Amino acid sequence: MKILHQRKVIAGNAEMSNGMLQNAWGLKFSRKLRKGRGLVLVANEESRLGTAIDMLFVFFPIDVLWVDSRKRVVDVRRRVKPFTPLAIPKKAARYVVELPAGTARHIKPGNQIKFVN
């Protein structure tokens, strides 16, 4: 799957996770995300706590986008550090998009993104 922002591909090879177990596991113990890669975690409903993430056992920084059901960015965190115990979005989100550090430098809350197969 591709992730687009303002008609530009920010992740040409992203994986979408729907399972609760895969959402909880996320990027733990994985290799560093290479440029063009990403992981999209999907919550059952829009929520702040349901889309909170931890970086325990993630050994590299990442950029994180929280996105609502209309694919609008509601929060952005850049260069979230390894082993950060908890990151909670400022507003309710349905999707958590995890990207290589530096990918989200031009993305702001309110921006629209697209998921394209």
PDB file of N, CA and C in Angstrom:
ATOM      1  N   MET A   1       0.839  -1.172   0.000  1.00  0.00           N
ATOM      2  CA  MET A   1       0.000   0.000   0.000  1.00  0.00           C
ATOM      3  C   MET A   1       0.889   1.242   0.000  1.00  0.00           C
ATOM      4  N   LYS A   2       0.399   2.309  -0.602  1.00  0.00           N
ATOM      5  CA  LYS A   2       1.098   3.591  -0.602  1.00  0.00           C
ATOM      6  C   LYS A   2       0.358   4.571   0.310  1.00  0.00           C
ATOM      7  N   ILE A   3       1.122   5.486   0.894  1.00  0.00           N
ATOM      8  CA  ILE A   3       0.543   6.571   1.680  1.00  0.00           C
ATOM      9  C   ILE A   3       0.926   7.867   0.988  1.00  0.00           C
ATOM     10  N   LEU A   4      -0.088   8.678   0.675  1.00  0.00           N
ATOM     11  CA  LEU A   4       0.127   9.936  -0.042  1.00  0.00           C
ATOM     12  C   LEU A   4      -0.210  11.130   0.843  1.00  0.00           C
ATOM     13  N   HIS A   5       0.578  12.193   0.667  1.00  0.00           N
ATOM     14  CA  HIS A   5       0.320  13.481   1.305  1.00  0.00           C
ATOM     15  C   HIS A   5       0.531  14.537   0.242  1.00  0.00           C
ATOM     16  N   GLN A   6      -0.509  15.314  -0.052  1.00  0.00           N
ATOM     17  CA  GLN A   6      -0.456  16.349  -1.093  1.00  0.00           C
ATOM     18  C   GLN A   6       0.108  15.790  -2.402  1.00  0.00           C
ATOM     19  N   ARG A   7      -0.440  14.658  -2.804  1.00  0.00           N
ATOM     20  CA  ARG A   7      -0.083  13.975  -4.065  1.00  0.00           C
ATOM     21  C   ARG A   7       1.338  13.433  -4.101  1.00  0.00           C
ATOM     22  N   LYS A   8       2.061  13.520  -2.997  1.00  0.00           N
ATOM     23  CA  LYS A   8       3.408  12.969  -2.924  1.00  0.00           C
ATOM     24  C   LYS A   8       3.381  11.686  -2.113  1.00  0.00           C
ATOM     25  N   VAL A   9       4.130  10.703  -2.568  1.00  0.00           N
ATOM     26  CA  VAL A   9       4.222   9.432  -1.857  1.00  0.00           C
ATOM     27  C   VAL A   9       5.153   9.609  -0.664  1.00  0.00           C
ATOM     28  N   ILE A  10       4.621   9.409   0.537  1.00  0.00           N
ATOM     29  CA  ILE A  10       5.482   9.484   1.724  1.00  0.00           C
ATOM     30  C   ILE A  10       5.902   8.084   2.169  1.00  0.00           C
ATOM     31  N   ALA A  11       5.155   7.077   1.727  1.00  0.00           N
ATOM     32  CA  ALA A  11       5.530   5.678   1.969  1.00  0.00           C
ATOM     33  C   ALA A  11       5.027   4.866   0.782  1.00  0.00           C
ATOM     34  N   GLY A  12       5.945   4.368   0.001  1.00  0.00           N
ATOM     35  CA  GLY A  12       5.571   3.582  -1.170  1.00  0.00           C
ATOM     36  C   GLY A  12       5.331   2.126  -0.847  1.00  0.00           C
ATOM     37  N   ASN A  13       5.773   1.709   0.321  1.00  0.00           N
ATOM     38  CA  ASN A  13       5.632   0.315   0.720  1.00  0.00           C
ATOM     39  C   ASN A  13       5.236   0.276   2.191  1.00  0.00           C
ATOM     40  N   ALA A  14       3.952   0.466   2.451  1.00  0.00           N
ATOM     41  CA  ALA A  14       3.444   0.470   3.824  1.00  0.00           C
ATOM     42  C   ALA A  14       2.587  -0.764   4.064  1.00  0.00           C
ATOM     43  N   GLU A  15       2.610  -1.196   5.284  1.00  0.00           N
ATOM     44  CA  GLU A  15       1.825  -2.366   5.683  1.00  0.00           C
ATOM     45  C   GLU A  15       0.697  -1.896   6.580  1.00  0.00           C
ATOM     46  N   MET A  16      -0.512  -2.442   6.379  1.00  0.00           N
ATOM     47  CA  MET A  16      -1.642  -2.088   7.219  1.00  0.00           C
ATOM     48  C   MET A  16      -1.939  -3.245   8.165  1.00  0.00           C
ATOM     49  N   SER A  17      -2.090  -2.914   9.432  1.00  0.00           N
ATOM     50  CA  SER A  17      -2.367  -3.904  10.463  1.00  0.00           C
ATOM     51  C   SER A  17      -3.777  -3.695  10.993  1.00  0.00           C
ATOM     52  N   ASN A  18      -4.580  -4.743  10.998  1.00  0.00           N
ATOM     53  CA  ASN A  18      -5.926  -4.651  11.565  1.00  0.00           C
ATOM     54  C   ASN A  18      -6.072  -5.433  12.855  1.00  0.00           C
ATOM     55  N   GLY A  19      -5.167  -6.354  13.096  1.00  0.00           N
ATOM     56  CA  GLY A  19      -5.306  -7.219  14.253  1.00  0.00           C
ATOM     57  C   GLY A  19      -4.857  -6.568  15.542  1.00  0.00           C
ATOM     58  N   MET A  20      -5.559  -6.838  16.614  1.00  0.00           N
ATOM     59  CA  MET A  20      -5.235  -6.258  17.904  1.00  0.00           C
ATOM     60  C   MET A  20      -3.831  -6.667  18.364  1.00  0.00           C
ATOM     61  N   LEU A  21      -3.473  -7.919  18.133  1.00  0.00           N
ATOM     62  CA  LEU A  21      -2.157  -8.395  18.534  1.00  0.00           C
ATOM     63  C   LEU A  21      -1.056  -7.699  17.730  1.00  0.00           C
ATOM     64  N   GLN A  22      -1.258  -7.589  16.416  1.00  0.00           N
ATOM     65  CA  GLN A  22      -0.267  -6.916  15.571  1.00  0.00           C
ATOM     66  C   GLN A  22      -0.190  -5.433  15.915  1.00  0.00           C
ATOM     67  N   ASN A  23      -1.308  -4.818  16.246  1.00  0.00           N
ATOM     68  CA  ASN A  23      -1.302  -3.404  16.660  1.00  0.00           C
ATOM     69  C   ASN A  23      -0.485  -3.221  17.938  1.00  0.00           C
ATOM     70  N   ALA A  24      -0.658  -4.139  18.893  1.00  0.00           N
ATOM     71  CA  ALA A  24       0.080  -4.042  20.158  1.00  0.00           C
ATOM     72  C   ALA A  24       1.570  -4.281  19.940  1.00  0.00           C
ATOM     73  N   TRP A  25       1.910  -5.149  19.010  1.00  0.00           N
ATOM     74  CA  TRP A  25       3.318  -5.479  18.746  1.00  0.00           C
ATOM     75  C   TRP A  25       3.994  -4.338  17.987  1.00  0.00           C
ATOM     76  N   GLY A  26       3.326  -3.783  16.981  1.00  0.00           N
ATOM     77  CA  GLY A  26       3.866  -2.652  16.219  1.00  0.00           C
ATOM     78  C   GLY A  26       5.252  -2.915  15.658  1.00  0.00           C
ATOM     79  N   LEU A  27       6.206  -2.048  15.995  1.00  0.00           N
ATOM     80  CA  LEU A  27       7.573  -2.147  15.481  1.00  0.00           C
ATOM     81  C   LEU A  27       8.552  -2.737  16.506  1.00  0.00           C
ATOM     82  N   LYS A  28       8.036  -3.301  17.568  1.00  0.00           N
ATOM     83  CA  LYS A  28       8.910  -3.878  18.601  1.00  0.00           C
ATOM     84  C   LYS A  28       9.840  -4.925  18.007  1.00  0.00           C
ATOM     85  N   PHE A  29      11.098  -4.833  18.374  1.00  0.00           N
ATOM     86  CA  PHE A  29      12.148  -5.776  17.957  1.00  0.00           C
ATOM     87  C   PHE A  29      12.360  -5.831  16.442  1.00  0.00           C
ATOM     88  N   SER A  30      11.868  -4.845  15.704  1.00  0.00           N
ATOM     89  CA  SER A  30      12.047  -4.866  14.250  1.00  0.00           C
ATOM     90  C   SER A  30      13.278  -4.060  13.841  1.00  0.00           C
ATOM     91  N   ARG A  31      13.651  -4.215  12.597  1.00  0.00           N
ATOM     92  CA  ARG A  31      14.761  -3.437  12.056  1.00  0.00           C
ATOM     93  C   ARG A  31      14.297  -2.021  11.772  1.00  0.00           C
ATOM     94  N   LYS A  32      15.242  -1.131  11.699  1.00  0.00           N
ATOM     95  CA  LYS A  32      14.949   0.274  11.413  1.00  0.00           C
ATOM     96  C   LYS A  32      14.130   0.387  10.130  1.00  0.00           C
ATOM     97  N   LEU A  33      13.119   1.263  10.167  1.00  0.00           N
ATOM     98  CA  LEU A  33      12.311   1.501   8.969  1.00  0.00           C
ATOM     99  C   LEU A  33      13.156   2.200   7.920  1.00  0.00           C
ATOM    100  N   ARG A  34      13.205   1.650   6.748  1.00  0.00           N
ATOM    101  CA  ARG A  34      13.920   2.300   5.650  1.00  0.00           C
ATOM    102  C   ARG A  34      13.024   3.343   5.000  1.00  0.00           C
ATOM    103  N   LYS A  35      13.635   4.273   4.312  1.00  0.00           N
ATOM    104  CA  LYS A  35      12.900   5.308   3.589  1.00  0.00           C
ATOM    105  C   LYS A  35      11.886   4.632   2.662  1.00  0.00           C
ATOM    106  N   GLY A  36      10.667   5.171   2.651  1.00  0.00           N
ATOM    107  CA  GLY A  36       9.617   4.627   1.792  1.00  0.00           C
ATOM    108  C   GLY A  36       8.773   3.549   2.443  1.00  0.00           C
ATOM    109  N   ARG A  37       9.140   3.137   3.654  1.00  0.00           N
ATOM    110  CA  ARG A  37       8.387   2.098   4.361  1.00  0.00           C
ATOM    111  C   ARG A  37       7.488   2.745   5.412  1.00  0.00           C
ATOM    112  N   GLY A  38       6.522   1.991   5.907  1.00  0.00           N
ATOM    113  CA  GLY A  38       5.661   2.488   6.967  1.00  0.00           C
ATOM    114  C   GLY A  38       4.768   1.390   7.498  1.00  0.00           C
ATOM    115  N   LEU A  39       4.171   1.661   8.637  1.00  0.00           N
ATOM    116  CA  LEU A  39       3.229   0.740   9.252  1.00  0.00           C
ATOM    117  C   LEU A  39       2.011   1.547   9.677  1.00  0.00           C
ATOM    118  N   VAL A  40       0.818   1.065   9.303  1.00  0.00           N
ATOM    119  CA  VAL A  40      -0.435   1.721   9.663  1.00  0.00           C
ATOM    120  C   VAL A  40      -1.188   0.801  10.613  1.00  0.00           C
ATOM    121  N   LEU A  41      -1.418   1.293  11.830  1.00  0.00           N
ATOM    122  CA  LEU A  41      -2.182   0.550  12.827  1.00  0.00           C
ATOM    123  C   LEU A  41      -3.613   1.075  12.797  1.00  0.00           C
ATOM    124  N   VAL A  42      -4.586   0.175  12.739  1.00  0.00           N
ATOM    125  CA  VAL A  42      -5.993   0.560  12.607  1.00  0.00           C
ATOM    126  C   VAL A  42      -6.739   0.213  13.883  1.00  0.00           C
ATOM    127  N   ALA A  43      -7.371   1.210  14.486  1.00  0.00           N
ATOM    128  CA  ALA A  43      -8.186   1.001  15.691  1.00  0.00           C
ATOM    129  C   ALA A  43      -9.621   0.674  15.283  1.00  0.00           C
ATOM    130  N   ASN A  44     -10.362   0.062  16.173  1.00  0.00           N
ATOM    131  CA  ASN A  44     -11.762  -0.271  15.893  1.00  0.00           C
ATOM    132  C   ASN A  44     -12.641   0.965  15.763  1.00  0.00           C
ATOM    133  N   GLU A  45     -12.257   2.028  16.475  1.00  0.00           N
ATOM    134  CA  GLU A  45     -13.016   3.273  16.439  1.00  0.00           C
ATOM    135  C   GLU A  45     -12.080   4.432  16.754  1.00  0.00           C
ATOM    136  N   GLU A  46     -12.539   5.642  16.505  1.00  0.00           N
ATOM    137  CA  GLU A  46     -11.718   6.808  16.834  1.00  0.00           C
ATOM    138  C   GLU A  46     -11.591   6.924  18.350  1.00  0.00           C
ATOM    139  N   SER A  47     -10.356   7.134  18.792  1.00  0.00           N
ATOM    140  CA  SER A  47     -10.086   7.169  20.221  1.00  0.00           C
ATOM    141  C   SER A  47      -8.731   7.805  20.454  1.00  0.00           C
ATOM    142  N   ARG A  48      -8.546   8.381  21.622  1.00  0.00           N
ATOM    143  CA  ARG A  48      -7.214   8.860  22.010  1.00  0.00           C
ATOM    144  C   ARG A  48      -6.428   7.720  22.644  1.00  0.00           C
ATOM    145  N   LEU A  49      -6.993   7.095  23.664  1.00  0.00           N
ATOM    146  CA  LEU A  49      -6.266   6.028  24.351  1.00  0.00           C
ATOM    147  C   LEU A  49      -6.116   4.787  23.490  1.00  0.00           C
ATOM    148  N   GLY A  50      -7.109   4.505  22.646  1.00  0.00           N
ATOM    149  CA  GLY A  50      -7.047   3.331  21.775  1.00  0.00           C
ATOM    150  C   GLY A  50      -6.002   3.439  20.682  1.00  0.00           C
ATOM    151  N   THR A  51      -5.485   4.644  20.450  1.00  0.00           N
ATOM    152  CA  THR A  51      -4.443   4.833  19.440  1.00  0.00           C
ATOM    153  C   THR A  51      -3.131   5.314  20.051  1.00  0.00           C
ATOM    154  N   ALA A  52      -3.056   5.267  21.376  1.00  0.00           N
ATOM    155  CA  ALA A  52      -1.794   5.589  22.051  1.00  0.00           C
ATOM    156  C   ALA A  52      -0.776   4.503  21.713  1.00  0.00           C
ATOM    157  N   ILE A  53       0.491   4.885  21.637  1.00  0.00           N
ATOM    158  CA  ILE A  53       1.540   3.912  21.337  1.00  0.00           C
ATOM    159  C   ILE A  53       2.628   3.982  22.400  1.00  0.00           C
ATOM    160  N   ASP A  54       3.390   2.905  22.494  1.00  0.00           N
ATOM    161  CA  ASP A  54       4.604   2.936  23.289  1.00  0.00           C
ATOM    162  C   ASP A  54       5.756   2.544  22.371  1.00  0.00           C
ATOM    163  N   MET A  55       6.948   2.944  22.749  1.00  0.00           N
ATOM    164  CA  MET A  55       8.136   2.649  21.944  1.00  0.00           C
ATOM    165  C   MET A  55       9.065   1.670  22.675  1.00  0.00           C
ATOM    166  N   LEU A  56       8.490   0.907  23.616  1.00  0.00           N
ATOM    167  CA  LEU A  56       9.282  -0.073  24.337  1.00  0.00           C
ATOM    168  C   LEU A  56       9.779  -1.134  23.352  1.00  0.00           C
ATOM    169  N   PHE A  57      11.050  -1.407  23.384  1.00  0.00           N
ATOM    170  CA  PHE A  57      11.712  -2.376  22.514  1.00  0.00           C
ATOM    171  C   PHE A  57      11.677  -1.988  21.031  1.00  0.00           C
ATOM    172  N   VAL A  58      11.496  -0.709  20.762  1.00  0.00           N
ATOM    173  CA  VAL A  58      11.725  -0.155  19.423  1.00  0.00           C
ATOM    174  C   VAL A  58      13.051   0.589  19.552  1.00  0.00           C
ATOM    175  N   PHE A  59      14.027   0.234  18.732  1.00  0.00           N
ATOM    176  CA  PHE A  59      15.404   0.690  18.934  1.00  0.00           C
ATOM    177  C   PHE A  59      15.819   1.851  18.026  1.00  0.00           C
ATOM    178  N   PHE A  60      14.854   2.533  17.425  1.00  0.00           N
ATOM    179  CA  PHE A  60      15.160   3.636  16.511  1.00  0.00           C
ATOM    180  C   PHE A  60      14.033   4.659  16.589  1.00  0.00           C
ATOM    181  N   PRO A  61      14.315   5.938  16.314  1.00  0.00           N
ATOM    182  CA  PRO A  61      13.259   6.955  16.347  1.00  0.00           C
ATOM    183  C   PRO A  61      12.348   6.841  15.122  1.00  0.00           C
ATOM    184  N   ILE A  62      11.102   7.266  15.282  1.00  0.00           N
ATOM    185  CA  ILE A  62      10.148   7.271  14.171  1.00  0.00           C
ATOM    186  C   ILE A  62       9.321   8.549  14.207  1.00  0.00           C
ATOM    187  N   ASP A  63       8.709   8.856  13.075  1.00  0.00           N
ATOM    188  CA  ASP A  63       7.687   9.899  13.006  1.00  0.00           C
ATOM    189  C   ASP A  63       6.336   9.203  13.095  1.00  0.00           C
ATOM    190  N   VAL A  64       5.388   9.823  13.803  1.00  0.00           N
ATOM    191  CA  VAL A  64       4.065   9.224  13.980  1.00  0.00           C
ATOM    192  C   VAL A  64       2.993  10.231  13.585  1.00  0.00           C
ATOM    193  N   LEU A  65       2.049   9.766  12.767  1.00  0.00           N
ATOM    194  CA  LEU A  65       0.872  10.554  12.411  1.00  0.00           C
ATOM    195  C   LEU A  65      -0.338   9.872  13.019  1.00  0.00           C
ATOM    196  N   TRP A  66      -1.213  10.643  13.649  1.00  0.00           N
ATOM    197  CA  TRP A  66      -2.498  10.116  14.072  1.00  0.00           C
ATOM    198  C   TRP A  66      -3.523  10.708  13.119  1.00  0.00           C
ATOM    199  N   VAL A  67      -4.350   9.847  12.557  1.00  0.00           N
ATOM    200  CA  VAL A  67      -5.250  10.221  11.471  1.00  0.00           C
ATOM    201  C   VAL A  67      -6.673   9.787  11.824  1.00  0.00           C
ATOM    202  N   ASP A  68      -7.660  10.660  11.553  1.00  0.00           N
ATOM    203  CA  ASP A  68      -9.049  10.320  11.875  1.00  0.00           C
ATOM    204  C   ASP A  68      -9.686   9.498  10.747  1.00  0.00           C
ATOM    205  N   SER A  69     -10.951   9.173  10.901  1.00  0.00           N
ATOM    206  CA  SER A  69     -11.662   8.336   9.920  1.00  0.00           C
ATOM    207  C   SER A  69     -11.774   8.982   8.550  1.00  0.00           C
ATOM    208  N   ARG A  70     -11.704  10.305   8.502  1.00  0.00           N
ATOM    209  CA  ARG A  70     -11.771  11.021   7.213  1.00  0.00           C
ATOM    210  C   ARG A  70     -10.398  11.199   6.588  1.00  0.00           C
ATOM    211  N   LYS A  71      -9.398  10.545   7.158  1.00  0.00           N
ATOM    212  CA  LYS A  71      -7.995  10.574   6.702  1.00  0.00           C
ATOM    213  C   LYS A  71      -7.364  11.953   6.883  1.00  0.00           C
ATOM    214  N   ARG A  72      -7.815  12.668   7.894  1.00  0.00           N
ATOM    215  CA  ARG A  72      -7.247  13.959   8.239  1.00  0.00           C
ATOM    216  C   ARG A  72      -6.294  13.778   9.420  1.00  0.00           C
ATOM    217  N   VAL A  73      -5.117  14.357   9.316  1.00  0.00           N
ATOM    218  CA  VAL A  73      -4.122  14.256  10.383  1.00  0.00           C
ATOM    219  C   VAL A  73      -4.608  15.064  11.585  1.00  0.00           C
ATOM    220  N   VAL A  74      -4.672  14.416  12.759  1.00  0.00           N
ATOM    221  CA  VAL A  74      -5.112  15.111  13.970  1.00  0.00           C
ATOM    222  C   VAL A  74      -3.949  15.409  14.912  1.00  0.00           C
ATOM    223  N   ASP A  75      -2.818  14.711  14.735  1.00  0.00           N
ATOM    224  CA  ASP A  75      -1.634  14.976  15.551  1.00  0.00           C
ATOM    225  C   ASP A  75      -0.413  14.406  14.838  1.00  0.00           C
ATOM    226  N   VAL A  76       0.736  15.036  15.084  1.00  0.00           N
ATOM    227  CA  VAL A  76       2.011  14.606  14.499  1.00  0.00           C
ATOM    228  C   VAL A  76       3.064  14.656  15.589  1.00  0.00           C
ATOM    229  N   ARG A  77       3.873  13.615  15.668  1.00  0.00           N
ATOM    230  CA  ARG A  77       5.043  13.639  16.545  1.00  0.00           C
ATOM    231  C   ARG A  77       6.242  13.242  15.697  1.00  0.00           C
ATOM    232  N   ARG A  78       7.243  14.059  15.745  1.00  0.00           N
ATOM    233  CA  ARG A  78       8.448  13.806  14.954  1.00  0.00           C
ATOM    234  C   ARG A  78       9.547  13.241  15.841  1.00  0.00           C
ATOM    235  N   ARG A  79      10.265  12.291  15.301  1.00  0.00           N
ATOM    236  CA  ARG A  79      11.411  11.685  15.977  1.00  0.00           C
ATOM    237  C   ARG A  79      11.083  11.216  17.399  1.00  0.00           C
ATOM    238  N   VAL A  80      10.024  10.404  17.495  1.00  0.00           N
ATOM    239  CA  VAL A  80       9.686   9.816  18.786  1.00  0.00           C
ATOM    240  C   VAL A  80      10.828   8.867  19.155  1.00  0.00           C
ATOM    241  N   LYS A  81      11.357   9.061  20.343  1.00  0.00           N
ATOM    242  CA  LYS A  81      12.572   8.349  20.758  1.00  0.00           C
ATOM    243  C   LYS A  81      12.289   6.902  21.147  1.00  0.00           C
ATOM    244  N   PRO A  82      13.282   6.035  20.926  1.00  0.00           N
ATOM    245  CA  PRO A  82      13.163   4.653  21.381  1.00  0.00           C
ATOM    246  C   PRO A  82      12.864   4.601  22.878  1.00  0.00           C
ATOM    247  N   PHE A  83      12.082   3.630  23.257  1.00  0.00           N
ATOM    248  CA  PHE A  83      11.721   3.361  24.651  1.00  0.00           C
ATOM    249  C   PHE A  83      10.878   4.462  25.293  1.00  0.00           C
ATOM    250  N   THR A  84      10.259   5.333  24.485  1.00  0.00           N
ATOM    251  CA  THR A  84       9.287   6.285  25.027  1.00  0.00           C
ATOM    252  C   THR A  84       8.132   5.461  25.597  1.00  0.00           C
ATOM    253  N   PRO A  85       7.782   5.667  26.881  1.00  0.00           N
ATOM    254  CA  PRO A  85       6.778   4.790  27.492  1.00  0.00           C
ATOM    255  C   PRO A  85       5.363   4.956  26.941  1.00  0.00           C
ATOM    256  N   LEU A  86       4.979   6.172  26.530  1.00  0.00           N
ATOM    257  CA  LEU A  86       3.622   6.376  26.042  1.00  0.00           C
ATOM    258  C   LEU A  86       3.530   7.655  25.223  1.00  0.00           C
ATOM    259  N   ALA A  87       2.885   7.567  24.081  1.00  0.00           N
ATOM    260  CA  ALA A  87       2.591   8.737  23.251  1.00  0.00           C
ATOM    261  C   ALA A  87       1.100   8.696  22.932  1.00  0.00           C
ATOM    262  N   ILE A  88       0.388   9.698  23.406  1.00  0.00           N
ATOM    263  CA  ILE A  88      -1.067   9.772  23.237  1.00  0.00           C
ATOM    264  C   ILE A  88      -1.383  10.947  22.323  1.00  0.00           C
ATOM    265  N   PRO A  89      -2.230  10.739  21.305  1.00  0.00           N
ATOM    266  CA  PRO A  89      -2.562  11.864  20.415  1.00  0.00           C
ATOM    267  C   PRO A  89      -3.377  12.929  21.131  1.00  0.00           C
ATOM    268  N   LYS A  90      -3.305  14.156  20.618  1.00  0.00           N
ATOM    269  CA  LYS A  90      -4.050  15.277  21.208  1.00  0.00           C
ATOM    270  C   LYS A  90      -5.541  15.165  20.943  1.00  0.00           C
ATOM    271  N   LYS A  91      -5.909  14.502  19.832  1.00  0.00           N
ATOM    272  CA  LYS A  91      -7.318  14.313  19.465  1.00  0.00           C
ATOM    273  C   LYS A  91      -7.534  12.846  19.114  1.00  0.00           C
ATOM    274  N   ALA A  92      -8.780  12.441  19.110  1.00  0.00           N
ATOM    275  CA  ALA A  92      -9.118  11.058  18.774  1.00  0.00           C
ATOM    276  C   ALA A  92      -8.712  10.743  17.338  1.00  0.00           C
ATOM    277  N   ALA A  93      -8.196   9.540  17.153  1.00  0.00           N
ATOM    278  CA  ALA A  93      -7.744   9.091  15.838  1.00  0.00           C
ATOM    279  C   ALA A  93      -8.245   7.676  15.577  1.00  0.00           C
ATOM    280  N   ARG A  94      -8.249   7.284  14.325  1.00  0.00           N
ATOM    281  CA  ARG A  94      -8.600   5.911  13.929  1.00  0.00           C
ATOM    282  C   ARG A  94      -7.365   5.153  13.455  1.00  0.00           C
ATOM    283  N   TYR A  95      -6.397   5.894  12.881  1.00  0.00           N
ATOM    284  CA  TYR A  95      -5.193   5.286  12.325  1.00  0.00           C
ATOM    285  C   TYR A  95      -3.951   5.877  12.988  1.00  0.00           C
ATOM    286  N   VAL A  96      -2.952   5.025  13.184  1.00  0.00           N
ATOM    287  CA  VAL A  96      -1.632   5.464  13.641  1.00  0.00           C
ATOM    288  C   VAL A  96      -0.675   5.098  12.513  1.00  0.00           C
ATOM    289  N   VAL A  97      -0.016   6.090  11.941  1.00  0.00           N
ATOM    290  CA  VAL A  97       0.913   5.862  10.834  1.00  0.00           C
ATOM    291  C   VAL A  97       2.329   6.042  11.361  1.00  0.00           C
ATOM    292  N   GLU A  98       3.109   4.961  11.339  1.00  0.00           N
ATOM    293  CA  GLU A  98       4.485   4.991  11.823  1.00  0.00           C
ATOM    294  C   GLU A  98       5.413   5.014  10.618  1.00  0.00           C
ATOM    295  N   LEU A  99       6.282   6.024  10.587  1.00  0.00           N
ATOM    296  CA  LEU A  99       7.143   6.287   9.433  1.00  0.00           C
ATOM    297  C   LEU A  99       8.594   6.473   9.871  1.00  0.00           C
ATOM    298  N   PRO A 100       9.527   6.325   8.942  1.00  0.00           N
ATOM    299  CA  PRO A 100      10.927   6.606   9.290  1.00  0.00           C
ATOM    300  C   PRO A 100      11.080   8.046   9.782  1.00  0.00           C
ATOM    301  N   ALA A 101      11.959   8.251  10.745  1.00  0.00           N
ATOM    302  CA  ALA A 101      12.212   9.594  11.274  1.00  0.00           C
ATOM    303  C   ALA A 101      12.579  10.544  10.146  1.00  0.00           C
ATOM    304  N   GLY A 102      11.976  11.720  10.139  1.00  0.00           N
ATOM    305  CA  GLY A 102      12.229  12.729   9.122  1.00  0.00           C
ATOM    306  C   GLY A 102      11.192  12.758   8.012  1.00  0.00           C
ATOM    307  N   THR A 103      10.381  11.724   7.899  1.00  0.00           N
ATOM    308  CA  THR A 103       9.382  11.640   6.826  1.00  0.00           C
ATOM    309  C   THR A 103       8.274  12.667   6.990  1.00  0.00           C
ATOM    310  N   ALA A 104       7.878  12.968   8.213  1.00  0.00           N
ATOM    311  CA  ALA A 104       6.717  13.833   8.472  1.00  0.00           C
ATOM    312  C   ALA A 104       7.074  15.303   8.645  1.00  0.00           C
ATOM    313  N   ARG A 105       8.249  15.704   8.222  1.00  0.00           N
ATOM    314  CA  ARG A 105       8.686  17.078   8.497  1.00  0.00           C
ATOM    315  C   ARG A 105       7.784  18.143   7.879  1.00  0.00           C
ATOM    316  N   HIS A 106       7.044  17.838   6.804  1.00  0.00           N
ATOM    317  CA  HIS A 106       6.173  18.826   6.151  1.00  0.00           C
ATOM    318  C   HIS A 106       4.695  18.585   6.435  1.00  0.00           C
ATOM    319  N   ILE A 107       4.393  17.619   7.280  1.00  0.00           N
ATOM    320  CA  ILE A 107       2.996  17.266   7.551  1.00  0.00           C
ATOM    321  C   ILE A 107       2.548  17.936   8.839  1.00  0.00           C
ATOM    322  N   LYS A 108       1.334  18.510   8.787  1.00  0.00           N
ATOM    323  CA  LYS A 108       0.791  19.244   9.934  1.00  0.00           C
ATOM    324  C   LYS A 108      -0.616  18.737  10.236  1.00  0.00           C
ATOM    325  N   PRO A 109      -1.075  18.925  11.487  1.00  0.00           N
ATOM    326  CA  PRO A 109      -2.473  18.603  11.773  1.00  0.00           C
ATOM    327  C   PRO A 109      -3.404  19.362  10.830  1.00  0.00           C
ATOM    328  N   GLY A 110      -4.445  18.680  10.373  1.00  0.00           N
ATOM    329  CA  GLY A 110      -5.374  19.253   9.417  1.00  0.00           C
ATOM    330  C   GLY A 110      -5.094  18.822   7.993  1.00  0.00           C
ATOM    331  N   ASN A 111      -3.860  18.390   7.704  1.00  0.00           N
ATOM    332  CA  ASN A 111      -3.515  17.886   6.363  1.00  0.00           C
ATOM    333  C   ASN A 111      -4.265  16.588   6.080  1.00  0.00           C
ATOM    334  N   GLN A 112      -4.531  16.364   4.815  1.00  0.00           N
ATOM    335  CA  GLN A 112      -5.214  15.148   4.361  1.00  0.00           C
ATOM    336  C   GLN A 112      -4.175  14.151   3.860  1.00  0.00           C
ATOM    337  N   ILE A 113      -4.369  12.872   4.155  1.00  0.00           N
ATOM    338  CA  ILE A 113      -3.527  11.838   3.569  1.00  0.00           C
ATOM    339  C   ILE A 113      -4.436  10.813   2.905  1.00  0.00           C
ATOM    340  N   LYS A 114      -3.841   9.971   2.065  1.00  0.00           N
ATOM    341  CA  LYS A 114      -4.587   8.913   1.373  1.00  0.00           C
ATOM    342  C   LYS A 114      -3.839   7.604   1.508  1.00  0.00           C
ATOM    343  N   PHE A 115      -4.603   6.521   1.625  1.00  0.00           N
ATOM    344  CA  PHE A 115      -4.057   5.175   1.572  1.00  0.00           C
ATOM    345  C   PHE A 115      -4.485   4.604   0.219  1.00  0.00           C
ATOM    346  N   VAL A 116      -3.516   4.187  -0.590  1.00  0.00           N
ATOM    347  CA  VAL A 116      -3.805   3.684  -1.934  1.00  0.00           C
ATOM    348  C   VAL A 116      -3.209   2.290  -2.091  1.00  0.00           C
ATOM    349  N   ASN A 117      -4.035   1.353  -2.534  1.00  0.00           N
ATOM    350  CA  ASN A 117      -3.544  -0.018  -2.754  1.00  0.00           C
ATOM    351  C   ASN A 117      -2.745  -0.132  -4.019  1.00  0.00           C
TER     352      ASN A 117
END
